[in-house]
Amino acid sequence: MPDVPCSRKALKEACLALLDQVALEHPSGHQGKLAARYVFKSAGGEHIELMFDKGPASPANLWVCQRYVGCLGLEKPTHRLSPAHVLFKTKGKDGKPRYGRHSGLRSMRQLSNADLICFNLQSVTQLRDVLDGLVP
């Protein structure tokens, strides 16, 4: 699948097609129209949880546990850290602590309370680079 400039929708469809090929659906299933949850088997045999933002309003974000992120290729995607220590630090309108991350992560054992990296993907090549760089 070559990388060509495309809409957000087309990019997300291409990323989901690749993820469907190389990973299994997470035991908790996908989260409707908002998130696709996967278990990816790395080259080292480790089962790594991944979550992809597939909602129409969000960028093509891939969430990965920080400890599995190794070397990335030349077309490194932009990313942000989402450390575990910031969870529940903000309060909602009701005054109760908020989770502070995408709700689709809460049912994923590896991702729910870990230090994460959220990759903002601009191409399928970047997704391949991230997957190739995952290490046990």
N, C-alpha and C. Protein backbone atom coordinates (compact mmCIF):
# COMPACT_ATOMS: atom_id res chain seq x y z
N MET A 1 0.83 -1.17 0.00
CA MET A 1 0.00 0.00 0.00
C MET A 1 0.89 1.24 0.00
N PRO A 2 1.03 1.94 -1.12
CA PRO A 2 1.92 3.11 -1.16
C PRO A 2 1.33 4.28 -0.41
N ASP A 3 2.21 5.15 0.08
CA ASP A 3 1.75 6.34 0.79
C ASP A 3 1.52 7.46 -0.21
N VAL A 4 0.33 7.95 -0.26
CA VAL A 4 -0.01 9.11 -1.08
C VAL A 4 -0.83 10.05 -0.20
N PRO A 5 -0.76 11.34 -0.46
CA PRO A 5 -1.58 12.25 0.34
C PRO A 5 -3.05 11.85 0.26
N CYS A 6 -3.69 11.83 1.40
CA CYS A 6 -5.09 11.41 1.41
C CYS A 6 -5.81 12.05 2.58
N SER A 7 -7.10 11.86 2.60
CA SER A 7 -7.91 12.41 3.68
C SER A 7 -7.65 11.65 4.97
N ARG A 8 -8.07 12.23 6.07
CA ARG A 8 -7.96 11.56 7.37
C ARG A 8 -8.70 10.24 7.34
N LYS A 9 -9.89 10.24 6.74
CA LYS A 9 -10.70 9.03 6.66
C LYS A 9 -9.98 7.94 5.88
N ALA A 10 -9.40 8.28 4.75
CA ALA A 10 -8.68 7.29 3.94
C ALA A 10 -7.45 6.77 4.68
N LEU A 11 -6.74 7.66 5.37
CA LEU A 11 -5.57 7.24 6.15
C LEU A 11 -5.99 6.25 7.23
N LYS A 12 -7.05 6.57 7.94
CA LYS A 12 -7.50 5.69 9.01
C LYS A 12 -7.94 4.34 8.45
N GLU A 13 -8.63 4.34 7.34
CA GLU A 13 -9.05 3.08 6.72
C GLU A 13 -7.84 2.23 6.34
N ALA A 14 -6.81 2.86 5.78
CA ALA A 14 -5.59 2.14 5.38
C ALA A 14 -4.86 1.60 6.61
N CYS A 15 -4.78 2.39 7.67
CA CYS A 15 -4.12 1.94 8.91
C CYS A 15 -4.90 0.77 9.52
N LEU A 16 -6.22 0.88 9.55
CA LEU A 16 -7.03 -0.22 10.10
C LEU A 16 -6.88 -1.48 9.27
N ALA A 17 -6.80 -1.34 7.96
CA ALA A 17 -6.60 -2.52 7.09
C ALA A 17 -5.28 -3.20 7.43
N LEU A 18 -4.22 -2.42 7.63
CA LEU A 18 -2.92 -3.00 7.98
C LEU A 18 -2.99 -3.66 9.36
N LEU A 19 -3.56 -2.98 10.33
CA LEU A 19 -3.67 -3.55 11.68
C LEU A 19 -4.48 -4.84 11.67
N ASP A 20 -5.55 -4.87 10.87
CA ASP A 20 -6.35 -6.10 10.76
C ASP A 20 -5.54 -7.26 10.19
N GLN A 21 -4.56 -6.95 9.35
CA GLN A 21 -3.71 -7.98 8.75
C GLN A 21 -2.66 -8.51 9.71
N VAL A 22 -2.09 -7.63 10.52
CA VAL A 22 -0.91 -8.01 11.31
C VAL A 22 -1.19 -8.24 12.80
N ALA A 23 -2.40 -7.94 13.25
CA ALA A 23 -2.71 -8.07 14.67
C ALA A 23 -4.09 -8.71 14.84
N LEU A 24 -4.33 -9.19 16.06
CA LEU A 24 -5.63 -9.78 16.39
C LEU A 24 -6.45 -8.77 17.17
N GLU A 25 -7.76 -8.89 17.04
CA GLU A 25 -8.63 -8.03 17.83
C GLU A 25 -8.42 -8.35 19.31
N HIS A 26 -8.35 -7.33 20.12
CA HIS A 26 -8.15 -7.46 21.57
C HIS A 26 -9.33 -8.23 22.17
N PRO A 27 -9.11 -9.02 23.23
CA PRO A 27 -10.21 -9.74 23.87
C PRO A 27 -11.38 -8.85 24.30
N SER A 28 -11.12 -7.58 24.62
CA SER A 28 -12.21 -6.68 25.00
C SER A 28 -12.95 -6.14 23.78
N GLY A 29 -12.49 -6.45 22.59
CA GLY A 29 -13.15 -6.01 21.37
C GLY A 29 -12.83 -4.57 21.03
N HIS A 30 -13.37 -4.15 19.90
CA HIS A 30 -13.20 -2.76 19.49
C HIS A 30 -14.25 -1.91 20.20
N GLN A 31 -14.02 -0.61 20.25
CA GLN A 31 -14.93 0.30 20.93
C GLN A 31 -15.77 1.04 19.87
N GLY A 32 -16.76 0.37 19.35
CA GLY A 32 -17.66 0.98 18.39
C GLY A 32 -16.95 1.76 17.31
N LYS A 33 -17.37 3.01 17.12
CA LYS A 33 -16.79 3.86 16.07
C LYS A 33 -15.60 4.67 16.56
N LEU A 34 -15.21 4.51 17.83
CA LEU A 34 -14.17 5.37 18.39
C LEU A 34 -12.77 4.78 18.40
N ALA A 35 -12.65 3.49 18.71
CA ALA A 35 -11.31 2.91 18.88
C ALA A 35 -11.28 1.46 18.42
N ALA A 36 -10.12 1.10 17.87
CA ALA A 36 -9.87 -0.30 17.50
C ALA A 36 -8.78 -0.80 18.43
N ARG A 37 -9.08 -1.88 19.15
CA ARG A 37 -8.13 -2.43 20.12
C ARG A 37 -7.56 -3.73 19.57
N TYR A 38 -6.23 -3.86 19.67
CA TYR A 38 -5.53 -5.00 19.08
C TYR A 38 -4.51 -5.59 20.03
N VAL A 39 -4.12 -6.84 19.70
CA VAL A 39 -2.96 -7.48 20.31
C VAL A 39 -2.04 -7.83 19.15
N PHE A 40 -0.83 -7.30 19.21
CA PHE A 40 0.18 -7.47 18.16
C PHE A 40 1.28 -8.37 18.69
N LYS A 41 1.67 -9.36 17.90
CA LYS A 41 2.77 -10.23 18.30
C LYS A 41 4.05 -9.69 17.67
N SER A 42 4.97 -9.24 18.53
CA SER A 42 6.22 -8.64 18.05
C SER A 42 7.13 -9.71 17.47
N ALA A 43 8.19 -9.27 16.80
CA ALA A 43 9.17 -10.19 16.23
C ALA A 43 9.77 -11.08 17.32
N GLY A 44 9.83 -10.59 18.56
CA GLY A 44 10.37 -11.36 19.67
C GLY A 44 9.35 -12.27 20.32
N GLY A 45 8.11 -12.27 19.81
CA GLY A 45 7.09 -13.15 20.34
C GLY A 45 6.24 -12.56 21.46
N GLU A 46 6.49 -11.33 21.83
CA GLU A 46 5.74 -10.67 22.91
C GLU A 46 4.38 -10.21 22.38
N HIS A 47 3.35 -10.38 23.18
CA HIS A 47 2.01 -9.88 22.83
C HIS A 47 1.87 -8.46 23.35
N ILE A 48 1.70 -7.52 22.43
CA ILE A 48 1.69 -6.10 22.76
C ILE A 48 0.33 -5.52 22.41
N GLU A 49 -0.29 -4.87 23.39
CA GLU A 49 -1.58 -4.23 23.15
C GLU A 49 -1.38 -2.90 22.42
N LEU A 50 -2.29 -2.64 21.48
CA LEU A 50 -2.29 -1.41 20.71
C LEU A 50 -3.72 -0.88 20.66
N MET A 51 -3.87 0.43 20.66
CA MET A 51 -5.18 1.00 20.43
C MET A 51 -5.06 2.09 19.39
N PHE A 52 -5.95 2.05 18.40
CA PHE A 52 -5.96 3.01 17.31
C PHE A 52 -7.23 3.84 17.39
N ASP A 53 -7.08 5.19 17.38
CA ASP A 53 -8.23 6.10 17.36
C ASP A 53 -8.85 6.08 15.97
N LYS A 54 -10.05 5.57 15.87
CA LYS A 54 -10.68 5.52 14.55
C LYS A 54 -11.87 6.46 14.42
N GLY A 55 -12.18 7.20 15.47
CA GLY A 55 -13.29 8.15 15.42
C GLY A 55 -13.04 9.24 14.40
N PRO A 56 -14.10 9.75 13.78
CA PRO A 56 -13.95 10.76 12.72
C PRO A 56 -13.37 12.09 13.20
N ALA A 57 -13.51 12.42 14.46
CA ALA A 57 -13.03 13.72 14.96
C ALA A 57 -11.58 13.69 15.43
N SER A 58 -11.02 12.51 15.63
CA SER A 58 -9.66 12.41 16.17
C SER A 58 -8.64 12.18 15.06
N PRO A 59 -7.38 12.57 15.31
CA PRO A 59 -6.32 12.24 14.37
C PRO A 59 -6.09 10.72 14.35
N ALA A 60 -5.25 10.26 13.44
CA ALA A 60 -4.91 8.84 13.36
C ALA A 60 -3.86 8.55 14.43
N ASN A 61 -4.32 8.37 15.67
CA ASN A 61 -3.43 8.13 16.81
C ASN A 61 -3.31 6.64 17.10
N LEU A 62 -2.10 6.21 17.39
CA LEU A 62 -1.84 4.84 17.83
C LEU A 62 -1.24 4.92 19.22
N TRP A 63 -1.88 4.24 20.17
CA TRP A 63 -1.43 4.23 21.57
C TRP A 63 -0.66 2.94 21.83
N VAL A 64 0.53 3.07 22.42
CA VAL A 64 1.42 1.94 22.68
C VAL A 64 2.07 2.14 24.05
N CYS A 65 2.28 1.05 24.77
CA CYS A 65 2.99 1.11 26.03
C CYS A 65 4.43 1.56 25.76
N GLN A 66 4.89 2.55 26.48
CA GLN A 66 6.20 3.15 26.24
C GLN A 66 7.33 2.12 26.31
N ARG A 67 7.22 1.14 27.17
CA ARG A 67 8.33 0.19 27.34
C ARG A 67 8.58 -0.68 26.11
N TYR A 68 7.62 -0.73 25.18
CA TYR A 68 7.78 -1.54 23.97
C TYR A 68 8.31 -0.76 22.78
N VAL A 69 8.42 0.55 22.92
CA VAL A 69 8.83 1.36 21.79
C VAL A 69 10.35 1.36 21.70
N GLY A 70 10.84 0.82 20.60
CA GLY A 70 12.29 0.76 20.38
C GLY A 70 12.69 1.79 19.36
N CYS A 71 13.55 1.38 18.44
CA CYS A 71 14.04 2.28 17.40
C CYS A 71 12.98 2.45 16.32
N LEU A 72 12.85 3.67 15.87
CA LEU A 72 11.91 3.96 14.79
C LEU A 72 12.68 4.29 13.53
N GLY A 73 12.03 4.08 12.39
CA GLY A 73 12.64 4.34 11.10
C GLY A 73 12.82 5.82 10.81
N LEU A 74 13.20 6.11 9.59
CA LEU A 74 13.51 7.48 9.20
C LEU A 74 12.29 8.39 9.21
N GLU A 75 11.12 7.85 8.91
CA GLU A 75 9.91 8.66 8.84
C GLU A 75 9.19 8.64 10.18
N LYS A 76 9.91 9.03 11.22
CA LYS A 76 9.39 8.97 12.59
C LYS A 76 8.15 9.84 12.74
N PRO A 77 7.05 9.27 13.22
CA PRO A 77 5.85 10.08 13.43
C PRO A 77 5.98 10.96 14.66
N THR A 78 5.23 12.05 14.65
CA THR A 78 5.18 12.87 15.86
C THR A 78 4.48 12.07 16.94
N HIS A 79 4.82 12.35 18.17
CA HIS A 79 4.24 11.59 19.27
C HIS A 79 4.23 12.45 20.53
N ARG A 80 3.47 11.97 21.49
CA ARG A 80 3.47 12.62 22.79
C ARG A 80 3.47 11.53 23.86
N LEU A 81 4.07 11.85 24.96
CA LEU A 81 4.09 10.94 26.09
C LEU A 81 2.81 11.14 26.90
N SER A 82 2.33 10.05 27.44
CA SER A 82 1.17 10.09 28.32
C SER A 82 1.54 9.28 29.56
N PRO A 83 2.24 9.93 30.50
CA PRO A 83 2.71 9.20 31.68
C PRO A 83 1.57 8.81 32.62
N ALA A 84 1.75 7.69 33.28
CA ALA A 84 0.73 7.17 34.19
C ALA A 84 0.48 8.09 35.38
N HIS A 85 1.48 8.83 35.80
CA HIS A 85 1.31 9.65 37.01
C HIS A 85 0.32 10.80 36.83
N VAL A 86 -0.11 11.09 35.59
CA VAL A 86 -1.07 12.17 35.39
C VAL A 86 -2.52 11.67 35.39
N LEU A 87 -2.70 10.36 35.46
CA LEU A 87 -4.06 9.82 35.48
C LEU A 87 -4.81 10.28 36.72
N PHE A 88 -6.05 10.61 36.53
CA PHE A 88 -6.95 11.03 37.61
C PHE A 88 -6.49 12.31 38.32
N LYS A 89 -5.66 13.13 37.68
CA LYS A 89 -5.19 14.38 38.28
C LYS A 89 -6.15 15.53 38.04
N THR A 90 -7.00 15.41 37.01
CA THR A 90 -7.96 16.46 36.75
C THR A 90 -9.35 16.02 37.20
N LYS A 91 -10.20 16.99 37.42
CA LYS A 91 -11.57 16.68 37.87
C LYS A 91 -12.57 17.05 36.77
N GLY A 92 -13.61 16.26 36.68
CA GLY A 92 -14.68 16.53 35.73
C GLY A 92 -15.63 17.58 36.28
N LYS A 93 -16.67 17.88 35.52
CA LYS A 93 -17.67 18.87 35.94
C LYS A 93 -18.35 18.47 37.24
N ASP A 94 -18.41 17.16 37.48
CA ASP A 94 -19.05 16.66 38.71
C ASP A 94 -18.11 16.67 39.91
N GLY A 95 -16.86 17.11 39.69
CA GLY A 95 -15.89 17.17 40.78
C GLY A 95 -15.13 15.87 41.01
N LYS A 96 -15.50 14.82 40.30
CA LYS A 96 -14.83 13.53 40.46
C LYS A 96 -13.59 13.47 39.56
N PRO A 97 -12.54 12.76 40.02
CA PRO A 97 -11.33 12.63 39.19
C PRO A 97 -11.65 11.99 37.84
N ARG A 98 -11.04 12.53 36.78
CA ARG A 98 -11.21 12.02 35.42
C ARG A 98 -10.02 11.15 35.06
N TYR A 99 -10.28 10.13 34.26
CA TYR A 99 -9.22 9.22 33.80
C TYR A 99 -8.15 9.99 33.04
N GLY A 100 -8.53 10.86 32.14
CA GLY A 100 -7.57 11.73 31.47
C GLY A 100 -6.98 11.17 30.18
N ARG A 101 -7.45 10.03 29.72
CA ARG A 101 -7.02 9.45 28.45
C ARG A 101 -8.24 8.97 27.69
N HIS A 102 -8.00 8.49 26.50
CA HIS A 102 -9.08 7.92 25.68
C HIS A 102 -9.74 6.79 26.47
N SER A 103 -11.06 6.82 26.54
CA SER A 103 -11.79 5.81 27.33
C SER A 103 -11.58 4.39 26.83
N GLY A 104 -11.22 4.23 25.56
CA GLY A 104 -10.98 2.89 25.01
C GLY A 104 -9.79 2.19 25.62
N LEU A 105 -8.93 2.93 26.29
CA LEU A 105 -7.73 2.34 26.91
C LEU A 105 -8.03 1.65 28.24
N ARG A 106 -9.10 2.03 28.88
CA ARG A 106 -9.37 1.56 30.25
C ARG A 106 -9.54 0.05 30.35
N SER A 107 -10.05 -0.61 29.31
CA SER A 107 -10.28 -2.05 29.38
C SER A 107 -9.07 -2.87 28.92
N MET A 108 -7.96 -2.20 28.67
CA MET A 108 -6.75 -2.88 28.18
C MET A 108 -5.73 -2.97 29.31
N ARG A 109 -5.44 -4.18 29.73
CA ARG A 109 -4.60 -4.40 30.91
C ARG A 109 -3.23 -3.75 30.79
N GLN A 110 -2.56 -3.91 29.63
CA GLN A 110 -1.22 -3.33 29.47
C GLN A 110 -1.25 -1.81 29.38
N LEU A 111 -2.31 -1.26 28.82
CA LEU A 111 -2.33 0.17 28.51
C LEU A 111 -3.05 1.05 29.53
N SER A 112 -4.00 0.51 30.24
CA SER A 112 -4.87 1.35 31.06
C SER A 112 -4.14 2.24 32.05
N ASN A 113 -3.14 1.74 32.74
CA ASN A 113 -2.46 2.51 33.77
C ASN A 113 -0.95 2.62 33.58
N ALA A 114 -0.48 2.38 32.37
CA ALA A 114 0.96 2.40 32.08
C ALA A 114 1.39 3.73 31.48
N ASP A 115 2.69 3.94 31.41
CA ASP A 115 3.24 5.06 30.66
C ASP A 115 3.07 4.73 29.18
N LEU A 116 2.43 5.64 28.44
CA LEU A 116 2.12 5.38 27.04
C LEU A 116 2.78 6.40 26.13
N ILE A 117 2.87 6.01 24.87
CA ILE A 117 3.22 6.93 23.80
C ILE A 117 2.05 6.93 22.83
N CYS A 118 1.62 8.11 22.46
CA CYS A 118 0.55 8.27 21.49
C CYS A 118 1.19 8.82 20.21
N PHE A 119 1.23 7.98 19.18
CA PHE A 119 1.81 8.38 17.89
C PHE A 119 0.72 9.01 17.03
N ASN A 120 1.02 10.17 16.47
CA ASN A 120 0.12 10.83 15.53
C ASN A 120 0.60 10.46 14.13
N LEU A 121 -0.07 9.50 13.52
CA LEU A 121 0.37 8.95 12.24
C LEU A 121 -0.09 9.82 11.08
N GLN A 122 0.82 10.03 10.14
CA GLN A 122 0.52 10.79 8.93
C GLN A 122 0.54 9.89 7.69
N SER A 123 0.98 8.64 7.87
CA SER A 123 1.07 7.72 6.73
C SER A 123 1.07 6.28 7.23
N VAL A 124 0.77 5.37 6.32
CA VAL A 124 0.82 3.95 6.64
C VAL A 124 2.27 3.53 6.86
N THR A 125 3.20 4.17 6.18
CA THR A 125 4.62 3.87 6.39
C THR A 125 5.01 4.14 7.83
N GLN A 126 4.53 5.23 8.40
CA GLN A 126 4.82 5.51 9.80
C GLN A 126 4.26 4.42 10.70
N LEU A 127 3.07 3.94 10.42
CA LEU A 127 2.50 2.84 11.21
C LEU A 127 3.39 1.61 11.10
N ARG A 128 3.83 1.27 9.89
CA ARG A 128 4.72 0.12 9.71
C ARG A 128 6.01 0.30 10.50
N ASP A 129 6.57 1.53 10.47
CA ASP A 129 7.80 1.81 11.20
C ASP A 129 7.62 1.59 12.70
N VAL A 130 6.49 2.06 13.23
CA VAL A 130 6.22 1.87 14.65
C VAL A 130 6.11 0.38 14.97
N LEU A 131 5.33 -0.34 14.19
CA LEU A 131 5.16 -1.78 14.43
C LEU A 131 6.49 -2.53 14.33
N ASP A 132 7.29 -2.17 13.33
CA ASP A 132 8.61 -2.82 13.18
C ASP A 132 9.55 -2.50 14.32
N GLY A 133 9.35 -1.34 14.97
CA GLY A 133 10.23 -0.92 16.05
C GLY A 133 9.82 -1.41 17.43
N LEU A 134 8.68 -2.09 17.54
CA LEU A 134 8.24 -2.57 18.84
C LEU A 134 9.11 -3.73 19.31
N VAL A 135 9.56 -3.64 20.55
CA VAL A 135 10.46 -4.66 21.10
C VAL A 135 9.92 -5.17 22.42
N PRO A 136 10.20 -6.44 22.74
CA PRO A 136 9.74 -6.99 24.02
C PRO A 136 10.52 -6.42 25.19
